[in-house]
Amino acid sequence: MTTHVSAVTDGTTRVFTWEEGSRIEVRNLGGEIVIEANAAGLKTLAGHLLTLAQDGTPDGAHLHLEENNGLEEGSVGLVLERCDDE
């Protein structure tokens, strides 16, 4: 079973999908961030990034992933955000 979440930004609807059985953990090791995921989790993250990269997605559109909201228990929060400004 996959999970779909729809988000509307500036009138544009984007659907974020979690693959069945996905596991994603984000750890802060001080000098680096580690994102550890199983195959389903990696596909989920890739899908989220592709969704944000779609034509018509406005600058600043973002997705918050947090412990027990897309990430494993003990994970630090992760924000995926589109930024077209240089």
Protein backbone atom coordinates (compact mmCIF):
# COMPACT_ATOMS: atom_id res chain seq x y z
CA MET A 1 0.00 0.00 0.00
CA THR A 2 1.36 3.43 -0.90
CA THR A 3 0.50 6.67 0.85
CA HIS A 4 -0.34 9.83 -1.11
CA VAL A 5 -0.33 13.36 0.29
CA SER A 6 -1.59 16.29 -1.78
CA ALA A 7 -0.20 19.77 -1.21
CA VAL A 8 -1.47 22.97 -2.82
CA THR A 9 0.95 25.87 -3.34
CA ASP A 10 -0.14 28.98 -5.26
CA GLY A 11 -3.11 27.04 -6.63
CA THR A 12 -0.91 24.18 -7.93
CA THR A 13 -1.61 20.72 -6.50
CA ARG A 14 1.33 18.36 -6.06
CA VAL A 15 1.01 14.76 -4.87
CA PHE A 16 3.78 13.28 -2.72
CA THR A 17 3.84 9.47 -2.55
CA TRP A 18 5.40 7.14 0.00
CA GLU A 19 6.30 3.68 -1.30
CA GLU A 20 5.02 0.74 0.72
CA GLY A 21 7.53 -0.31 3.37
CA SER A 22 9.66 2.81 2.99
CA ARG A 23 12.07 3.54 5.82
CA ILE A 24 13.98 6.82 5.97
CA GLU A 25 16.21 7.96 8.82
CA VAL A 26 18.04 11.29 8.99
CA ARG A 27 20.92 11.75 11.44
CA ASN A 28 22.99 14.81 12.25
CA LEU A 29 26.57 13.72 12.96
CA GLY A 30 27.80 17.24 13.65
CA GLY A 31 29.82 17.89 10.53
CA GLU A 32 27.56 15.96 8.16
CA ILE A 33 23.99 14.81 7.67
CA VAL A 34 23.33 11.14 6.93
CA ILE A 35 20.18 10.06 5.13
CA GLU A 36 19.79 6.30 5.48
CA ALA A 37 16.97 4.56 3.65
CA ASN A 38 15.93 1.20 2.30
CA ALA A 39 15.15 0.85 -1.44
CA ALA A 40 11.52 1.90 -0.95
CA GLY A 41 12.67 4.91 1.10
CA LEU A 42 15.14 5.97 -1.59
CA LYS A 43 12.40 5.71 -4.24
CA THR A 44 10.15 7.79 -1.99
CA LEU A 45 12.77 10.54 -1.58
CA ALA A 46 13.51 10.51 -5.33
CA GLY A 47 9.79 10.88 -6.02
CA HIS A 48 9.50 13.81 -3.61
CA LEU A 49 12.40 15.58 -5.32
CA LEU A 50 10.94 14.93 -8.77
CA THR A 51 7.58 16.28 -7.61
CA LEU A 52 9.23 19.50 -6.43
CA ALA A 53 11.13 19.73 -9.74
CA GLN A 54 7.98 19.58 -11.90
CA ASP A 55 7.28 22.48 -14.25
CA GLY A 56 4.90 24.93 -12.67
CA THR A 57 5.99 24.19 -9.11
CA PRO A 58 6.53 27.61 -7.54
CA ASP A 59 9.73 28.80 -5.94
CA GLY A 60 9.60 28.11 -2.20
CA ALA A 61 7.38 25.02 -2.47
CA HIS A 62 8.57 22.59 0.18
CA LEU A 63 7.87 19.43 2.11
CA HIS A 64 8.63 18.88 5.81
CA LEU A 65 9.64 15.38 6.87
CA GLU A 66 9.86 14.74 10.59
CA GLU A 67 10.07 11.91 13.08
CA ASN A 68 6.90 9.81 12.74
CA ASN A 69 5.83 11.99 9.77
CA GLY A 70 7.74 10.28 6.99
CA LEU A 71 10.94 9.62 8.96
CA GLU A 72 11.95 6.96 11.45
CA GLU A 73 11.87 7.55 15.19
CA GLY A 74 14.96 9.44 16.38
CA SER A 75 15.43 11.25 13.06
CA VAL A 76 16.16 14.95 12.80
CA GLY A 77 13.77 16.96 10.65
CA LEU A 78 14.39 17.34 6.93
CA VAL A 79 12.94 20.01 4.64
CA LEU A 80 12.98 19.55 0.87
CA GLU A 81 12.51 22.95 -0.76
CA ARG A 82 12.54 24.27 -4.29
CA CYS A 83 14.61 27.43 -4.73
CA ASP A 84 15.06 28.82 -8.23
CA ASP A 85 16.80 32.01 -7.05
CA GLU A 86 20.56 32.07 -7.30
